[in-house]
C-alpha atoms as a PDB file:
ATOM      1  CA  MET A   1     -21.185  88.093  52.774  1.00  0.00           C
ATOM      2  CA  LEU A   2     -20.614  90.230  50.150  1.00  0.00           C
ATOM      3  CA  GLN A   3     -23.235  90.388  47.055  1.00  0.00           C
ATOM      4  CA  HIS A   4     -23.171  92.537  44.067  1.00  0.00           C
ATOM      5  CA  GLY A   5     -20.444  95.037  46.516  1.00  0.00           C
ATOM      6  CA  ARG A   6     -23.322  94.946  49.268  1.00  0.00           C
ATOM      7  CA  ILE A   7     -22.819  93.709  52.201  1.00  0.00           C
ATOM      8  CA  VAL A   8     -25.912  91.191  52.431  1.00  0.00           C
ATOM      9  CA  GLU A   9     -24.188  88.897  55.805  1.00  0.00           C
ATOM     10  CA  GLU A  10     -21.694  89.396  58.383  1.00  0.00           C
ATOM     11  CA  GLY A  11     -20.687  88.120  61.489  1.00  0.00           C
ATOM     12  CA  ARG A  12     -18.631  85.482  62.557  1.00  0.00           C
ATOM     13  CA  SER A  13     -17.190  83.108  60.201  1.00  0.00           C
ATOM     14  CA  THR A  14     -18.966  80.351  62.834  1.00  0.00           C
ATOM     15  CA  ASP A  15     -22.538  82.074  62.439  1.00  0.00           C
ATOM     16  CA  VAL A  16     -22.468  82.567  59.442  1.00  0.00           C
ATOM     17  CA  CYS A  17     -21.662  78.661  57.350  1.00  0.00           C
ATOM     18  CA  ASP A  18     -23.043  76.859  59.991  1.00  0.00           C
ATOM     19  CA  ARG A  19     -26.113  78.847  60.288  1.00  0.00           C
ATOM     20  CA  PRO A  20     -26.507  81.403  57.051  1.00  0.00           C
ATOM     21  CA  ARG A  21     -30.120  83.462  56.863  1.00  0.00           C
ATOM     22  CA  HIS A  22     -29.514  85.064  53.786  1.00  0.00           C
ATOM     23  CA  ALA A  23     -31.114  83.003  50.297  1.00  0.00           C
ATOM     24  CA  TYR A  24     -27.213  83.901  48.495  1.00  0.00           C
ATOM     25  CA  THR A  25     -25.927  82.700  51.566  1.00  0.00           C
ATOM     26  CA  ARG A  26     -26.626  79.526  51.811  1.00  0.00           C
ATOM     27  CA  ARG A  27     -26.647  78.705  47.796  1.00  0.00           C
ATOM     28  CA  LEU A  28     -22.843  79.392  48.597  1.00  0.00           C
ATOM     29  CA  VAL A  29     -22.389  76.945  51.353  1.00  0.00           C
ATOM     30  CA  ALA A  30     -24.650  74.566  50.092  1.00  0.00           C
ATOM     31  CA  ALA A  31     -22.500  74.655  46.931  1.00  0.00           C
ATOM     32  CA  ALA A  32     -19.155  74.412  48.886  1.00  0.00           C
ATOM     33  CA  PRO A  33     -17.825  70.257  48.377  1.00  0.00           C
ATOM     34  CA  VAL A  34     -17.057  67.806  51.050  1.00  0.00           C
ATOM     35  CA  PRO A  35     -15.325  65.373  50.857  1.00  0.00           C
ATOM     36  CA  ASP A  36     -17.490  62.374  51.913  1.00  0.00           C
ATOM     37  CA  PRO A  37     -19.295  60.812  49.023  1.00  0.00           C
ATOM     38  CA  VAL A  38     -22.037  60.484  51.216  1.00  0.00           C
ATOM     39  CA  ALA A  39     -22.142  63.806  52.220  1.00  0.00           C
ATOM     40  CA  GLN A  40     -21.788  65.484  49.352  1.00  0.00           C
ATOM     41  CA  ARG A  41     -24.906  64.152  47.878  1.00  0.00           C
ATOM     42  CA  GLU A  42     -27.197  65.435  50.660  1.00  0.00           C
ATOM     43  CA  ARG A  43     -25.456  68.892  49.978  1.00  0.00           C
ATOM     44  CA  ARG A  44     -26.238  68.727  46.564  1.00  0.00           C
ATOM     45  CA  LEU A  45     -29.669  67.893  47.092  1.00  0.00           C
ATOM     46  CA  GLN A  46     -29.839  70.866  50.115  1.00  0.00           C
ATOM     47  CA  ARG A  47     -28.542  72.900  47.699  1.00  0.00           C
ATOM     48  CA  LEU A  48     -31.420  72.058  44.578  1.00  0.00           C
ATOM     49  CA  ALA A  49     -34.165  72.098  47.446  1.00  0.00           C
ATOM     50  CA  VAL A  50     -32.805  76.201  47.569  1.00  0.00           C
ATOM     51  CA  GLU A  51     -32.150  76.969  43.954  1.00  0.00           C
ATOM     52  CA  ALA A  52     -36.073  75.702  43.982  1.00  0.00           C
ATOM     53  CA  VAL A  53     -37.385  78.434  46.114  1.00  0.00           C
ATOM     54  CA  PHE A  54     -35.824  81.207  43.743  1.00  0.00           C
END
């Protein structure tokens, strides 16, 4: 995963997407839309929680 041209996280795509370690990657994963409205609401709440840390 790149942020401002620097590698901030690397690994297998399943590992990076399912268990992101870097805050930037966590924010990107949390911002991705999902088709289920209930799951989307949960993801939005997770994203807001992650953003509150910064």
